[in-house]
């Protein structure tokens, strides 16, 4: 086996055993953790029809679940959905986001182009400029949230390891102070109180059972 072929095999082996690709979450769990409506996440996973030019068009999916058979998502999928939420907040149509992702994919054939190290360093600027060009050509931008600022805020909430894999996510929903984190190495990536292993779900159950906030604290 030549050096080039051996290098390709090693890269494939690393992807095969990448723990951030393990299917951990149902679509409903992922939507709740990221803070997007379940219907929105379903569209990102399965695509959608939309009216355009007097006819019906099809917008391709934005996400590929780690387990297509069960539809379960990985930690990497969760991080992708978190980033896509920035485009939702900027009110950018799904078809335009798909076109921008395809543009990145043509430039660099990553499995998760929005999570690649190159995207963080260079590609995010191309992504924003490409979408801004589409948006400005199709409708006025007055009052439109600035995708560049939103994207930076969302990317800043993802911690990556030395192999550029997402391993920690501070979701935006009700979490301005980053008190809640999804850490791949703690509680199988379930939401916990930052700096602890305390599951947010357990605290919610205590509150729902009538335990006072001071007692929970």
N, C-alpha and C. Protein backbone atom coordinates (compact mmCIF):
# COMPACT_ATOMS: atom_id res chain seq x y z
N UNK A 1 0.85 -1.19 0.00
CA UNK A 1 0.00 0.00 0.00
C UNK A 1 0.88 1.24 0.00
N UNK A 2 0.63 2.20 -0.91
CA UNK A 2 1.43 3.41 -0.99
C UNK A 2 1.15 4.34 0.18
N UNK A 3 2.05 5.34 0.35
CA UNK A 3 1.90 6.28 1.46
C UNK A 3 0.59 7.04 1.37
N UNK A 4 0.20 7.46 0.14
CA UNK A 4 -1.03 8.23 -0.05
C UNK A 4 -2.25 7.39 0.34
N UNK A 5 -2.28 6.14 -0.11
CA UNK A 5 -3.41 5.26 0.19
C UNK A 5 -3.50 4.98 1.69
N UNK A 6 -2.32 4.82 2.32
CA UNK A 6 -2.30 4.56 3.76
C UNK A 6 -2.85 5.76 4.53
N UNK A 7 -2.51 6.97 4.06
CA UNK A 7 -3.02 8.18 4.70
C UNK A 7 -4.53 8.29 4.58
N UNK A 8 -5.08 7.96 3.42
CA UNK A 8 -6.53 7.98 3.22
C UNK A 8 -7.21 6.99 4.16
N UNK A 9 -6.61 5.79 4.27
CA UNK A 9 -7.19 4.75 5.14
C UNK A 9 -7.21 5.23 6.59
N UNK A 10 -6.14 5.86 7.04
CA UNK A 10 -6.09 6.33 8.42
C UNK A 10 -7.15 7.39 8.67
N UNK A 11 -7.35 8.31 7.69
CA UNK A 11 -8.39 9.33 7.85
C UNK A 11 -9.76 8.69 7.94
N UNK A 12 -10.01 7.68 7.10
CA UNK A 12 -11.31 6.99 7.14
C UNK A 12 -11.50 6.28 8.46
N UNK A 13 -10.42 5.67 9.00
CA UNK A 13 -10.52 4.98 10.28
C UNK A 13 -10.83 5.95 11.40
N UNK A 14 -10.22 7.14 11.35
CA UNK A 14 -10.50 8.12 12.39
C UNK A 14 -11.95 8.56 12.36
N UNK A 15 -12.50 8.77 11.14
CA UNK A 15 -13.90 9.16 11.00
C UNK A 15 -14.81 8.05 11.50
N UNK A 16 -14.41 6.79 11.19
CA UNK A 16 -15.24 5.65 11.58
C UNK A 16 -15.36 5.56 13.09
N UNK A 17 -14.28 5.92 13.81
CA UNK A 17 -14.26 5.79 15.26
C UNK A 17 -14.38 7.15 15.96
N UNK A 18 -14.82 8.16 15.26
CA UNK A 18 -14.99 9.48 15.84
C UNK A 18 -16.16 9.44 16.83
N UNK A 19 -15.90 9.63 18.13
CA UNK A 19 -16.99 9.52 19.12
C UNK A 19 -18.06 10.59 18.95
N UNK A 20 -17.73 11.73 18.34
CA UNK A 20 -18.74 12.77 18.17
C UNK A 20 -19.75 12.41 17.08
N UNK A 21 -19.53 11.26 16.41
CA UNK A 21 -20.47 10.80 15.39
C UNK A 21 -21.43 9.72 15.93
N UNK A 22 -21.32 9.39 17.21
CA UNK A 22 -22.21 8.38 17.80
C UNK A 22 -23.63 8.94 17.86
N UNK A 23 -24.63 8.20 17.39
CA UNK A 23 -26.02 8.70 17.45
C UNK A 23 -26.56 8.68 18.88
N UNK A 24 -26.65 9.84 19.49
CA UNK A 24 -27.02 9.95 20.90
C UNK A 24 -28.42 10.50 21.13
N UNK A 25 -28.89 11.35 20.23
CA UNK A 25 -30.09 12.14 20.52
C UNK A 25 -31.22 11.86 19.53
N UNK A 26 -32.45 11.85 20.06
CA UNK A 26 -33.60 11.86 19.17
C UNK A 26 -33.74 13.28 18.61
N UNK A 27 -34.48 13.42 17.53
CA UNK A 27 -34.68 14.75 16.94
C UNK A 27 -35.36 15.68 17.93
N UNK A 28 -36.31 15.17 18.70
CA UNK A 28 -37.01 16.01 19.68
C UNK A 28 -36.06 16.49 20.78
N UNK A 29 -35.19 15.60 21.25
CA UNK A 29 -34.20 15.99 22.26
C UNK A 29 -33.27 17.07 21.70
N UNK A 30 -32.77 16.83 20.50
CA UNK A 30 -31.83 17.78 19.89
C UNK A 30 -32.47 19.15 19.73
N UNK A 31 -33.74 19.17 19.29
CA UNK A 31 -34.43 20.45 19.11
C UNK A 31 -34.56 21.18 20.45
N UNK A 32 -34.88 20.43 21.51
CA UNK A 32 -35.03 21.05 22.83
C UNK A 32 -33.70 21.56 23.35
N UNK A 33 -32.64 20.79 23.18
CA UNK A 33 -31.33 21.20 23.69
C UNK A 33 -30.79 22.42 22.95
N UNK A 34 -30.97 22.43 21.63
CA UNK A 34 -30.45 23.55 20.83
C UNK A 34 -31.33 24.79 20.96
N UNK A 35 -32.64 24.55 21.18
CA UNK A 35 -33.56 25.67 21.32
C UNK A 35 -34.24 26.07 20.03
N UNK A 36 -34.50 25.08 19.15
CA UNK A 36 -35.24 25.37 17.91
C UNK A 36 -36.54 24.58 17.94
N UNK A 37 -37.58 25.05 17.23
CA UNK A 37 -38.83 24.29 17.17
C UNK A 37 -38.59 22.91 16.55
N UNK A 38 -39.22 21.86 17.08
CA UNK A 38 -39.06 20.52 16.50
C UNK A 38 -39.39 20.48 15.02
N UNK A 39 -40.39 21.26 14.58
CA UNK A 39 -40.76 21.28 13.16
C UNK A 39 -39.64 21.84 12.31
N UNK A 40 -38.90 22.81 12.85
CA UNK A 40 -37.77 23.39 12.12
C UNK A 40 -36.67 22.36 11.94
N UNK A 41 -36.35 21.65 13.02
CA UNK A 41 -35.30 20.63 12.92
C UNK A 41 -35.70 19.52 11.95
N UNK A 42 -36.98 19.16 11.93
CA UNK A 42 -37.44 18.13 10.99
C UNK A 42 -37.23 18.58 9.55
N UNK A 43 -37.46 19.85 9.28
CA UNK A 43 -37.22 20.39 7.93
C UNK A 43 -35.74 20.36 7.59
N UNK A 44 -34.90 20.67 8.56
CA UNK A 44 -33.45 20.62 8.33
C UNK A 44 -33.00 19.20 8.03
N UNK A 45 -33.68 18.22 8.63
CA UNK A 45 -33.30 16.82 8.45
C UNK A 45 -33.88 16.19 7.19
N UNK A 46 -35.06 16.65 6.79
CA UNK A 46 -35.78 15.97 5.70
C UNK A 46 -36.06 16.85 4.49
N UNK A 47 -35.76 18.15 4.59
CA UNK A 47 -36.07 19.04 3.47
C UNK A 47 -37.52 19.49 3.54
N UNK A 48 -37.89 20.37 2.61
CA UNK A 48 -39.27 20.88 2.60
C UNK A 48 -39.63 21.43 1.23
N UNK A 49 -40.92 21.44 0.96
CA UNK A 49 -41.44 22.10 -0.24
C UNK A 49 -41.76 23.55 0.10
N UNK A 50 -41.59 24.43 -0.90
CA UNK A 50 -41.95 25.83 -0.68
C UNK A 50 -42.42 26.43 -2.00
N UNK A 51 -43.26 27.46 -1.88
CA UNK A 51 -43.81 28.12 -3.06
C UNK A 51 -42.81 29.16 -3.57
N UNK A 52 -42.59 29.15 -4.88
CA UNK A 52 -41.68 30.12 -5.49
C UNK A 52 -41.99 30.25 -6.97
N UNK A 53 -42.09 31.50 -7.45
CA UNK A 53 -42.31 31.74 -8.87
C UNK A 53 -43.59 31.12 -9.42
N UNK A 54 -44.62 31.08 -8.60
CA UNK A 54 -45.88 30.52 -9.05
C UNK A 54 -45.92 29.00 -9.06
N UNK A 55 -44.89 28.36 -8.55
CA UNK A 55 -44.84 26.89 -8.52
C UNK A 55 -44.30 26.40 -7.19
N UNK A 56 -44.02 25.13 -7.13
CA UNK A 56 -43.50 24.51 -5.91
C UNK A 56 -42.07 24.04 -6.15
N UNK A 57 -41.19 24.39 -5.21
CA UNK A 57 -39.80 23.95 -5.28
C UNK A 57 -39.47 23.13 -4.05
N UNK A 58 -38.33 22.44 -4.11
CA UNK A 58 -37.90 21.57 -3.02
C UNK A 58 -36.58 22.06 -2.47
N UNK A 59 -36.53 22.25 -1.15
CA UNK A 59 -35.29 22.63 -0.48
C UNK A 59 -34.68 21.39 0.16
N UNK A 60 -33.46 21.07 -0.22
CA UNK A 60 -32.81 19.85 0.26
C UNK A 60 -32.50 19.95 1.75
N UNK A 61 -32.35 18.79 2.43
CA UNK A 61 -32.01 18.80 3.86
C UNK A 61 -30.69 19.53 4.11
N UNK A 62 -30.58 20.08 5.31
CA UNK A 62 -29.35 20.75 5.73
C UNK A 62 -28.49 19.85 6.61
N UNK A 63 -29.11 18.83 7.21
CA UNK A 63 -28.41 17.93 8.13
C UNK A 63 -28.59 16.48 7.70
N UNK A 64 -27.55 15.69 7.92
CA UNK A 64 -27.63 14.24 7.69
C UNK A 64 -27.47 13.56 9.05
N UNK A 65 -28.53 12.92 9.57
CA UNK A 65 -28.43 12.31 10.90
C UNK A 65 -27.37 11.23 10.96
N UNK A 66 -26.75 11.09 12.10
CA UNK A 66 -25.69 10.10 12.27
C UNK A 66 -26.20 8.69 12.00
N UNK A 67 -27.45 8.44 12.34
CA UNK A 67 -28.07 7.14 12.06
C UNK A 67 -29.31 7.37 11.20
N UNK A 68 -29.17 7.27 9.87
CA UNK A 68 -30.32 7.53 8.98
C UNK A 68 -31.49 6.60 9.24
N UNK A 69 -31.21 5.39 9.73
CA UNK A 69 -32.29 4.41 9.93
C UNK A 69 -33.22 4.84 11.06
N UNK A 70 -32.64 5.28 12.18
CA UNK A 70 -33.45 5.69 13.33
C UNK A 70 -33.68 7.19 13.39
N UNK A 71 -32.88 7.95 12.62
CA UNK A 71 -33.00 9.40 12.66
C UNK A 71 -32.31 10.03 13.86
N UNK A 72 -31.53 9.25 14.61
CA UNK A 72 -30.86 9.80 15.78
C UNK A 72 -29.65 10.64 15.37
N UNK A 73 -29.41 11.67 16.14
CA UNK A 73 -28.36 12.65 15.82
C UNK A 73 -27.16 12.48 16.74
N UNK A 74 -26.02 12.89 16.24
CA UNK A 74 -24.77 12.84 17.00
C UNK A 74 -24.48 14.19 17.64
N UNK A 75 -23.42 14.24 18.45
CA UNK A 75 -22.99 15.50 19.03
C UNK A 75 -22.57 16.47 17.93
N UNK A 76 -21.95 15.94 16.88
CA UNK A 76 -21.58 16.79 15.73
C UNK A 76 -22.83 17.36 15.08
N UNK A 77 -23.87 16.54 14.90
CA UNK A 77 -25.14 17.03 14.35
C UNK A 77 -25.72 18.14 15.23
N UNK A 78 -25.62 17.94 16.55
CA UNK A 78 -26.14 18.94 17.49
C UNK A 78 -25.43 20.28 17.30
N UNK A 79 -24.10 20.23 17.15
CA UNK A 79 -23.32 21.45 16.93
C UNK A 79 -23.70 22.10 15.60
N UNK A 80 -23.95 21.29 14.57
CA UNK A 80 -24.40 21.83 13.28
C UNK A 80 -25.74 22.55 13.44
N UNK A 81 -26.68 21.91 14.14
CA UNK A 81 -28.00 22.52 14.34
C UNK A 81 -27.88 23.83 15.10
N UNK A 82 -26.97 23.87 16.06
CA UNK A 82 -26.70 25.10 16.82
C UNK A 82 -26.25 26.22 15.88
N UNK A 83 -25.35 25.91 14.96
CA UNK A 83 -24.88 26.92 14.02
C UNK A 83 -26.00 27.33 13.06
N UNK A 84 -26.77 26.36 12.59
CA UNK A 84 -27.87 26.67 11.67
C UNK A 84 -28.91 27.58 12.32
N UNK A 85 -29.02 27.51 13.64
CA UNK A 85 -29.98 28.37 14.33
C UNK A 85 -29.66 29.84 14.11
N UNK A 86 -28.38 30.16 13.90
CA UNK A 86 -28.01 31.55 13.61
C UNK A 86 -28.63 32.00 12.29
N UNK A 87 -28.65 31.12 11.29
CA UNK A 87 -29.26 31.50 10.00
C UNK A 87 -30.77 31.62 10.15
N UNK A 88 -31.36 30.82 11.03
CA UNK A 88 -32.80 30.93 11.29
C UNK A 88 -33.11 32.27 11.93
N UNK A 89 -32.29 32.67 12.93
CA UNK A 89 -32.50 33.95 13.60
C UNK A 89 -32.32 35.12 12.62
N UNK A 90 -31.46 34.92 11.63
CA UNK A 90 -31.26 35.97 10.62
C UNK A 90 -32.31 35.92 9.51
N UNK A 91 -33.26 34.98 9.64
CA UNK A 91 -34.38 34.84 8.71
C UNK A 91 -33.91 34.59 7.27
N UNK A 92 -32.91 33.73 7.14
CA UNK A 92 -32.41 33.37 5.81
C UNK A 92 -33.10 32.09 5.35
N UNK A 93 -33.70 32.08 4.16
CA UNK A 93 -34.42 30.89 3.69
C UNK A 93 -33.53 29.66 3.65
N UNK A 94 -34.15 28.53 3.94
CA UNK A 94 -33.43 27.25 3.99
C UNK A 94 -32.74 26.93 2.67
N UNK A 95 -33.41 27.24 1.56
CA UNK A 95 -32.82 26.94 0.24
C UNK A 95 -31.53 27.72 0.03
N UNK A 96 -31.49 28.96 0.53
CA UNK A 96 -30.28 29.77 0.40
C UNK A 96 -29.16 29.23 1.28
N UNK A 97 -29.51 28.79 2.48
CA UNK A 97 -28.51 28.20 3.37
C UNK A 97 -27.94 26.93 2.75
N UNK A 98 -28.81 26.11 2.14
CA UNK A 98 -28.36 24.89 1.47
C UNK A 98 -27.38 25.23 0.35
N UNK A 99 -27.67 26.28 -0.41
CA UNK A 99 -26.78 26.69 -1.50
C UNK A 99 -25.42 27.12 -0.95
N UNK A 100 -25.43 27.81 0.20
CA UNK A 100 -24.16 28.25 0.80
C UNK A 100 -23.35 27.06 1.31
N UNK A 101 -24.04 26.07 1.90
CA UNK A 101 -23.35 24.88 2.38
C UNK A 101 -22.77 24.10 1.20
N UNK A 102 -23.53 24.01 0.10
CA UNK A 102 -23.02 23.34 -1.10
C UNK A 102 -21.78 24.04 -1.64
N UNK A 103 -21.78 25.36 -1.56
CA UNK A 103 -20.61 26.13 -2.00
C UNK A 103 -19.38 25.75 -1.17
N UNK A 104 -19.57 25.67 0.16
CA UNK A 104 -18.46 25.27 1.02
C UNK A 104 -18.01 23.85 0.71
N UNK A 105 -18.99 22.97 0.43
CA UNK A 105 -18.68 21.57 0.15
C UNK A 105 -17.88 21.43 -1.13
N UNK A 106 -18.18 22.27 -2.11
CA UNK A 106 -17.41 22.23 -3.37
C UNK A 106 -15.97 22.67 -3.13
N UNK A 107 -15.79 23.64 -2.25
CA UNK A 107 -14.45 24.14 -1.95
C UNK A 107 -13.65 23.12 -1.14
N UNK A 108 -14.33 22.49 -0.18
CA UNK A 108 -13.65 21.56 0.74
C UNK A 108 -14.63 20.44 1.07
N UNK A 109 -14.29 19.23 0.73
CA UNK A 109 -15.22 18.11 0.86
C UNK A 109 -15.23 17.53 2.28
N UNK A 110 -15.68 18.34 3.24
CA UNK A 110 -15.80 17.88 4.62
C UNK A 110 -17.17 17.26 4.84
N UNK A 111 -17.23 16.30 5.75
CA UNK A 111 -18.52 15.69 6.09
C UNK A 111 -19.43 16.72 6.75
N UNK A 112 -18.84 17.55 7.61
CA UNK A 112 -19.59 18.61 8.29
C UNK A 112 -18.92 19.95 7.97
N UNK A 113 -19.21 20.54 6.82
CA UNK A 113 -18.47 21.75 6.42
C UNK A 113 -18.59 22.90 7.41
N UNK A 114 -19.71 23.00 8.14
CA UNK A 114 -19.87 24.10 9.09
C UNK A 114 -19.07 23.88 10.38
N UNK A 115 -18.51 22.68 10.55
CA UNK A 115 -17.74 22.38 11.75
C UNK A 115 -16.24 22.27 11.48
N UNK A 116 -15.83 22.33 10.24
CA UNK A 116 -14.42 22.14 9.91
C UNK A 116 -13.58 23.30 10.46
N UNK A 117 -12.34 23.00 10.77
CA UNK A 117 -11.44 24.03 11.25
C UNK A 117 -11.26 25.14 10.22
N UNK A 118 -11.26 24.75 8.96
CA UNK A 118 -11.11 25.76 7.91
C UNK A 118 -12.31 26.70 7.89
N UNK A 119 -13.50 26.17 8.17
CA UNK A 119 -14.68 27.04 8.22
C UNK A 119 -14.52 28.09 9.31
N UNK A 120 -14.04 27.67 10.47
CA UNK A 120 -13.85 28.61 11.57
C UNK A 120 -12.82 29.68 11.23
N UNK A 121 -11.78 29.28 10.50
CA UNK A 121 -10.69 30.21 10.21
C UNK A 121 -10.98 31.10 9.00
N UNK A 122 -11.54 30.52 7.95
CA UNK A 122 -11.68 31.24 6.68
C UNK A 122 -13.11 31.16 6.13
N UNK A 123 -13.68 29.94 6.17
CA UNK A 123 -14.93 29.71 5.47
C UNK A 123 -16.12 30.49 5.97
N UNK A 124 -16.12 30.88 7.25
CA UNK A 124 -17.28 31.60 7.77
C UNK A 124 -17.47 32.94 7.06
N UNK A 125 -16.37 33.58 6.69
CA UNK A 125 -16.47 34.85 5.97
C UNK A 125 -17.07 34.63 4.58
N UNK A 126 -16.62 33.57 3.89
CA UNK A 126 -17.17 33.23 2.58
C UNK A 126 -18.66 32.91 2.70
N UNK A 127 -19.02 32.16 3.74
CA UNK A 127 -20.40 31.75 3.98
C UNK A 127 -21.30 32.97 4.16
N UNK A 128 -20.87 33.90 5.00
CA UNK A 128 -21.66 35.11 5.27
C UNK A 128 -21.77 35.98 4.03
N UNK A 129 -20.65 36.18 3.33
CA UNK A 129 -20.67 37.02 2.14
C UNK A 129 -21.56 36.43 1.06
N UNK A 130 -21.51 35.12 0.90
CA UNK A 130 -22.32 34.44 -0.11
C UNK A 130 -23.81 34.63 0.20
N UNK A 131 -24.19 34.42 1.47
CA UNK A 131 -25.60 34.56 1.84
C UNK A 131 -26.05 36.02 1.79
N UNK A 132 -25.20 36.93 2.20
CA UNK A 132 -25.55 38.35 2.13
C UNK A 132 -25.83 38.78 0.69
N UNK A 133 -25.04 38.22 -0.23
CA UNK A 133 -25.22 38.55 -1.65
C UNK A 133 -26.57 38.04 -2.15
N UNK A 134 -26.94 36.81 -1.75
CA UNK A 134 -28.23 36.25 -2.15
C UNK A 134 -29.38 37.06 -1.55
N UNK A 135 -29.25 37.36 -0.24
CA UNK A 135 -30.32 38.07 0.46
C UNK A 135 -30.52 39.47 -0.12
N UNK A 136 -29.43 40.19 -0.35
CA UNK A 136 -29.53 41.56 -0.87
C UNK A 136 -30.12 41.60 -2.27
N UNK A 137 -29.95 40.51 -3.03
CA UNK A 137 -30.49 40.45 -4.38
C UNK A 137 -31.98 40.11 -4.38
N UNK A 138 -32.45 39.51 -3.29
CA UNK A 138 -33.84 39.03 -3.28
C UNK A 138 -34.79 39.90 -2.46
N UNK A 139 -34.27 40.62 -1.46
CA UNK A 139 -35.16 41.44 -0.64
C UNK A 139 -34.35 42.48 0.13
N UNK A 140 -35.03 43.56 0.57
CA UNK A 140 -34.32 44.59 1.34
C UNK A 140 -33.74 44.01 2.63
N UNK A 141 -32.60 44.57 3.06
CA UNK A 141 -31.95 44.07 4.28
C UNK A 141 -32.23 44.96 5.48
N UNK A 142 -33.03 46.04 5.30
CA UNK A 142 -33.31 46.93 6.41
C UNK A 142 -34.04 46.17 7.52
N UNK A 143 -33.55 46.26 8.72
CA UNK A 143 -34.15 45.55 9.84
C UNK A 143 -33.77 44.09 9.92
N UNK A 144 -32.95 43.64 8.98
CA UNK A 144 -32.54 42.23 8.95
C UNK A 144 -31.41 41.99 9.96
N UNK A 145 -31.52 40.99 10.82
CA UNK A 145 -30.39 40.69 11.74
C UNK A 145 -29.12 40.40 10.95
N UNK A 146 -27.99 40.85 11.46
CA UNK A 146 -26.73 40.66 10.76
C UNK A 146 -26.19 39.26 11.01
N UNK A 147 -26.13 38.44 9.95
CA UNK A 147 -25.69 37.06 10.09
C UNK A 147 -24.27 36.97 10.62
N UNK A 148 -23.39 37.86 10.16
CA UNK A 148 -22.00 37.79 10.60
C UNK A 148 -21.87 37.87 12.11
N UNK A 149 -22.58 38.82 12.73
CA UNK A 149 -22.53 38.98 14.19
C UNK A 149 -23.14 37.77 14.89
N UNK A 150 -24.29 37.30 14.38
CA UNK A 150 -24.94 36.14 14.97
C UNK A 150 -24.06 34.90 14.89
N UNK A 151 -23.47 34.70 13.72
CA UNK A 151 -22.65 33.51 13.51
C UNK A 151 -21.45 33.50 14.45
N UNK A 152 -20.82 34.65 14.62
CA UNK A 152 -19.68 34.73 15.54
C UNK A 152 -20.11 34.36 16.95
N UNK A 153 -21.27 34.86 17.37
CA UNK A 153 -21.77 34.58 18.72
C UNK A 153 -22.04 33.09 18.91
N UNK A 154 -22.57 32.45 17.87
CA UNK A 154 -22.87 31.02 17.96
C UNK A 154 -21.60 30.18 17.93
N UNK A 155 -20.67 30.52 17.06
CA UNK A 155 -19.42 29.75 16.96
C UNK A 155 -18.61 29.85 18.25
N UNK A 156 -18.69 31.00 18.91
CA UNK A 156 -17.93 31.21 20.14
C UNK A 156 -18.39 30.27 21.26
N UNK A 157 -19.58 29.71 21.11
CA UNK A 157 -20.14 28.84 22.15
C UNK A 157 -19.82 27.36 21.92
N UNK A 158 -19.01 27.06 20.92
CA UNK A 158 -18.59 25.68 20.68
C UNK A 158 -17.10 25.56 21.02
N UNK A 159 -16.77 24.62 21.90
CA UNK A 159 -15.38 24.33 22.24
C UNK A 159 -14.93 23.12 21.43
N UNK A 160 -13.74 23.17 20.88
CA UNK A 160 -13.24 22.12 20.01
C UNK A 160 -11.97 21.51 20.60
N UNK A 161 -11.73 20.24 20.27
CA UNK A 161 -10.52 19.58 20.76
C UNK A 161 -9.38 19.80 19.78
N UNK A 162 -8.22 19.16 20.04
CA UNK A 162 -7.05 19.40 19.20
C UNK A 162 -7.18 18.76 17.82
N UNK A 163 -8.27 18.00 17.59
CA UNK A 163 -8.54 17.45 16.27
C UNK A 163 -9.68 18.20 15.58
N UNK A 164 -10.01 19.39 16.11
CA UNK A 164 -11.04 20.26 15.54
C UNK A 164 -12.45 19.69 15.68
N UNK A 165 -12.65 18.74 16.59
CA UNK A 165 -13.99 18.19 16.78
C UNK A 165 -14.73 18.96 17.86
N UNK A 166 -16.03 19.18 17.69
CA UNK A 166 -16.79 19.86 18.74
C UNK A 166 -16.96 18.94 19.94
N UNK A 167 -16.61 19.41 21.13
CA UNK A 167 -16.73 18.56 22.31
C UNK A 167 -17.54 19.23 23.42
N UNK A 168 -17.82 20.52 23.27
CA UNK A 168 -18.57 21.22 24.31
C UNK A 168 -19.42 22.31 23.65
N UNK A 169 -20.67 22.40 24.09
CA UNK A 169 -21.59 23.37 23.50
C UNK A 169 -22.37 24.07 24.60
N UNK A 170 -22.33 25.39 24.57
CA UNK A 170 -23.13 26.20 25.48
C UNK A 170 -24.34 26.70 24.69
N UNK A 171 -25.49 26.04 24.81
CA UNK A 171 -26.63 26.42 23.98
C UNK A 171 -27.10 27.84 24.27
N UNK A 172 -27.72 28.47 23.28
CA UNK A 172 -28.17 29.85 23.40
C UNK A 172 -29.41 29.98 24.29
N UNK A 173 -30.28 28.98 24.26
CA UNK A 173 -31.59 29.09 24.90
C UNK A 173 -31.48 29.26 26.42
N UNK A 174 -32.01 30.39 26.93
CA UNK A 174 -32.02 30.67 28.37
C UNK A 174 -30.64 30.48 28.99
N UNK A 175 -29.59 30.88 28.29
CA UNK A 175 -28.26 30.50 28.78
C UNK A 175 -27.23 31.58 28.46
N UNK A 176 -27.61 32.83 28.64
CA UNK A 176 -26.69 33.92 28.32
C UNK A 176 -25.41 33.85 29.15
N UNK A 177 -25.53 33.40 30.39
CA UNK A 177 -24.37 33.37 31.27
C UNK A 177 -23.61 32.05 31.20
N UNK A 178 -24.01 31.17 30.26
CA UNK A 178 -23.35 29.88 30.05
C UNK A 178 -23.37 29.00 31.31
N UNK A 179 -24.47 29.01 32.01
CA UNK A 179 -24.59 28.17 33.20
C UNK A 179 -24.89 26.72 32.85
N UNK A 180 -25.36 26.51 31.62
CA UNK A 180 -25.68 25.15 31.16
C UNK A 180 -24.75 24.79 30.00
N UNK A 181 -24.24 23.56 30.01
CA UNK A 181 -23.34 23.12 28.95
C UNK A 181 -23.69 21.69 28.55
N UNK A 182 -23.51 21.38 27.28
CA UNK A 182 -23.54 20.00 26.81
C UNK A 182 -22.09 19.64 26.54
N UNK A 183 -21.55 18.79 27.38
CA UNK A 183 -20.15 18.39 27.30
C UNK A 183 -20.11 16.93 26.88
N UNK A 184 -19.45 16.67 25.76
CA UNK A 184 -19.43 15.30 25.23
C UNK A 184 -18.85 14.30 26.23
N UNK A 185 -17.97 14.78 27.12
CA UNK A 185 -17.33 13.88 28.08
C UNK A 185 -18.06 13.73 29.40
N UNK A 186 -19.21 14.40 29.55
CA UNK A 186 -19.97 14.35 30.80
C UNK A 186 -21.41 13.93 30.51
N UNK A 187 -21.87 12.90 31.19
CA UNK A 187 -23.27 12.46 31.11
C UNK A 187 -23.70 12.21 29.67
N UNK A 188 -22.79 11.67 28.86
CA UNK A 188 -23.09 11.33 27.46
C UNK A 188 -23.67 12.50 26.69
N UNK A 189 -23.17 13.71 26.99
CA UNK A 189 -23.58 14.87 26.21
C UNK A 189 -24.93 15.44 26.57
N UNK A 190 -25.49 15.05 27.73
CA UNK A 190 -26.75 15.64 28.20
C UNK A 190 -26.46 17.00 28.85
N UNK A 191 -27.43 17.91 28.90
CA UNK A 191 -27.20 19.22 29.53
C UNK A 191 -26.91 19.09 31.02
N UNK A 192 -25.84 19.73 31.46
CA UNK A 192 -25.48 19.74 32.88
C UNK A 192 -25.17 21.17 33.30
N UNK A 193 -25.15 21.39 34.61
CA UNK A 193 -24.74 22.69 35.14
C UNK A 193 -23.24 22.82 34.91
N UNK A 194 -22.83 23.91 34.31
CA UNK A 194 -21.43 24.12 33.96
C UNK A 194 -20.52 23.97 35.18
N UNK A 195 -19.45 23.19 34.99
CA UNK A 195 -18.49 22.97 36.06
C UNK A 195 -18.86 21.85 36.99
N UNK A 196 -19.97 21.17 36.71
CA UNK A 196 -20.42 20.06 37.55
C UNK A 196 -20.89 18.92 36.63
N UNK A 197 -21.32 17.83 37.26
CA UNK A 197 -21.95 16.75 36.51
C UNK A 197 -23.43 16.68 36.79
N UNK A 198 -24.00 17.77 37.32
CA UNK A 198 -25.41 17.77 37.72
C UNK A 198 -26.29 17.94 36.48
N UNK A 199 -27.14 16.97 36.24
CA UNK A 199 -28.02 17.01 35.08
C UNK A 199 -29.10 18.07 35.27
N UNK A 200 -29.28 18.89 34.25
CA UNK A 200 -30.34 19.90 34.27
C UNK A 200 -31.71 19.22 34.40
N UNK A 201 -31.85 18.06 33.79
CA UNK A 201 -33.11 17.32 33.85
C UNK A 201 -33.49 16.98 35.29
N UNK A 202 -32.49 16.62 36.10
CA UNK A 202 -32.75 16.29 37.50
C UNK A 202 -33.25 17.52 38.26
N UNK A 203 -32.66 18.66 38.00
CA UNK A 203 -33.09 19.90 38.66
C UNK A 203 -34.51 20.26 38.24
N UNK A 204 -34.82 20.06 36.96
CA UNK A 204 -36.17 20.34 36.47
C UNK A 204 -37.19 19.42 37.13
N UNK A 205 -36.82 18.14 37.29
CA UNK A 205 -37.73 17.18 37.93
C UNK A 205 -38.00 17.58 39.38
N UNK A 206 -36.97 18.05 40.09
CA UNK A 206 -37.15 18.49 41.47
C UNK A 206 -38.09 19.70 41.53
N UNK A 207 -37.90 20.63 40.61
CA UNK A 207 -38.77 21.82 40.59
C UNK A 207 -40.21 21.43 40.29
N UNK A 208 -40.38 20.53 39.29
CA UNK A 208 -41.73 20.10 38.92
C UNK A 208 -42.40 19.32 40.04
N UNK A 209 -41.59 18.69 40.90
CA UNK A 209 -42.14 17.94 42.02
C UNK A 209 -42.49 18.84 43.20
N UNK A 210 -42.22 20.15 43.07
CA UNK A 210 -42.60 21.09 44.12
C UNK A 210 -41.48 21.51 45.04
N UNK A 211 -40.26 21.05 44.80
CA UNK A 211 -39.14 21.46 45.64
C UNK A 211 -38.82 22.94 45.39
N UNK A 212 -38.61 23.68 46.46
CA UNK A 212 -38.36 25.12 46.31
C UNK A 212 -36.99 25.36 45.69
N UNK A 213 -36.84 26.51 45.05
CA UNK A 213 -35.57 26.87 44.41
C UNK A 213 -34.43 26.91 45.42
N UNK A 214 -34.63 27.52 46.64
CA UNK A 214 -33.53 27.52 47.63
C UNK A 214 -33.09 26.12 48.02
N UNK A 215 -34.08 25.20 48.16
CA UNK A 215 -33.71 23.83 48.52
C UNK A 215 -32.95 23.14 47.39
N UNK A 216 -33.37 23.39 46.14
CA UNK A 216 -32.65 22.82 45.00
C UNK A 216 -31.22 23.35 44.97
N UNK A 217 -31.06 24.66 45.23
CA UNK A 217 -29.72 25.27 45.24
C UNK A 217 -28.87 24.64 46.34
